[in-house]
C-alpha cells in the first residue's frame, strides 16, 4: 500500500512540474506574440502615416490596401480600413 501512495505522490509532483513548465512556456509565447504584434502594428502605422499624410497616396488608399490584403491573404483578420487607420493613429501618438 505504501508504495502505491508513494508512487502516486511522485507522479503528482511530475504532473505539477510539467504543468508549470507548460504554463510558463505558454505565457512567454503569448508575451512574445504580443510584442511582435505591437511592433507590426507600429510599423504598419508608420508606413501608412508617412505615405498618407505626406500626400503620396490619394483618398481611398487605405480602403484599397485593406481590400487587397484581404484578397491576397484570405483569412487575414485585423487589417480592416478602420484598423489600419487605428495603426496610423497608434504610430502618430
Protein backbone atom coordinates (compact mmCIF):
# COMPACT_ATOMS: atom_id res chain seq x y z
CA UNK A 1 0.00 0.00 0.00
CA UNK A 2 2.70 2.48 0.93
CA UNK A 3 4.48 2.12 -2.37
CA UNK A 4 1.32 2.91 -4.35
CA UNK A 5 0.82 6.16 -2.44
CA UNK A 6 4.49 7.00 -2.76
CA UNK A 7 4.42 6.35 -6.50
CA UNK A 8 1.22 8.33 -6.92
CA UNK A 9 2.79 11.20 -4.98
CA UNK A 10 5.81 11.15 -7.31
CA UNK A 11 3.50 11.18 -10.34
CA UNK A 12 1.58 14.09 -8.87
CA UNK A 13 4.82 16.01 -8.44
CA UNK A 14 5.83 15.12 -12.02
CA UNK A 15 2.49 16.33 -13.37
CA UNK A 16 2.75 19.59 -11.42
CA UNK A 17 6.33 20.19 -12.57
CA UNK A 18 5.48 19.55 -16.22
CA UNK A 19 2.25 21.56 -15.97
CA UNK A 20 4.16 24.52 -14.53
CA UNK A 21 6.72 24.33 -17.36
CA UNK A 22 3.95 24.20 -19.98
CA UNK A 23 2.06 27.15 -18.50
CA UNK A 24 5.25 29.20 -18.14
CA UNK A 25 6.17 28.47 -21.75
CA UNK A 26 2.69 29.36 -23.00
CA UNK A 27 2.82 32.64 -21.08
CA UNK A 28 6.22 33.51 -22.56
CA UNK A 29 4.98 32.67 -26.06
CA UNK A 30 1.96 34.94 -25.62
CA UNK A 31 4.21 37.77 -24.42
CA UNK A 32 6.46 37.37 -27.47
CA UNK A 33 3.49 37.26 -29.85
CA UNK A 34 2.02 40.40 -28.28
CA UNK A 35 5.36 42.20 -28.53
CA UNK A 36 5.74 41.20 -32.18
CA UNK A 37 2.17 42.22 -32.95
CA UNK A 38 2.68 45.65 -31.39
CA UNK A 39 5.86 46.11 -33.43
CA UNK A 40 3.98 45.10 -36.59
CA UNK A 41 1.10 47.49 -35.89
CA UNK A 42 3.51 50.32 -35.13
CA UNK A 43 5.49 49.67 -38.31
CA UNK A 44 2.36 49.44 -40.47
CA UNK A 45 1.09 52.62 -38.83
CA UNK A 46 4.36 54.42 -39.57
CA UNK A 47 4.29 53.30 -43.21
CA UNK A 48 0.68 54.38 -43.65
CA UNK A 49 1.30 57.69 -41.87
CA UNK A 50 4.34 58.56 -43.94
CA UNK A 51 2.58 57.81 -47.20
CA UNK A 52 -0.92 59.08 -46.49
CA UNK A 53 -0.07 62.22 -44.55
CA UNK A 54 2.62 63.36 -46.98
CA UNK A 55 0.26 63.24 -49.93
CA UNK A 56 1.84 60.24 -51.63
CA UNK A 57 -1.48 58.40 -51.64
CA UNK A 58 -4.87 59.65 -52.71
CA UNK A 59 -8.15 59.32 -50.87
CA UNK A 60 -9.35 55.79 -50.56
CA UNK A 61 -5.84 54.36 -50.45
CA UNK A 62 -6.26 52.79 -47.02
CA UNK A 63 -9.55 51.14 -48.01
CA UNK A 64 -7.94 49.86 -51.20
CA UNK A 65 -4.95 48.46 -49.31
CA UNK A 66 -7.22 46.78 -46.78
CA UNK A 67 -9.29 45.13 -49.52
CA UNK A 68 -6.18 43.95 -51.38
CA UNK A 69 -4.70 42.48 -48.20
CA UNK A 70 -7.90 40.55 -47.55
CA UNK A 71 -7.98 39.28 -51.14
CA UNK A 72 -4.33 38.25 -51.20
CA UNK A 73 -4.26 36.79 -47.68
CA UNK A 74 -7.60 35.01 -47.21
CA UNK A 75 -8.49 34.57 -43.57
CA UNK A 76 -6.41 37.58 -42.55
CA UNK A 77 -8.02 39.39 -39.67
CA UNK A 78 -7.30 42.72 -38.05
CA UNK A 79 -6.42 44.74 -41.14
CA UNK A 80 -9.72 46.40 -41.95
CA UNK A 81 -9.70 50.01 -43.11
CA UNK A 82 -10.63 51.10 -39.60
CA UNK A 83 -7.84 49.04 -38.02
CA UNK A 84 -5.27 50.35 -40.50
CA UNK A 85 -6.30 53.89 -39.55
CA UNK A 86 -6.01 52.92 -35.88
CA UNK A 87 -2.48 51.67 -36.56
CA UNK A 88 -1.64 55.02 -38.12
CA UNK A 89 -3.01 56.77 -35.03
CA UNK A 90 -1.03 54.40 -32.78
CA UNK A 91 2.15 55.44 -34.59
CA UNK A 92 1.34 59.14 -34.57
CA UNK A 93 0.52 59.37 -30.87
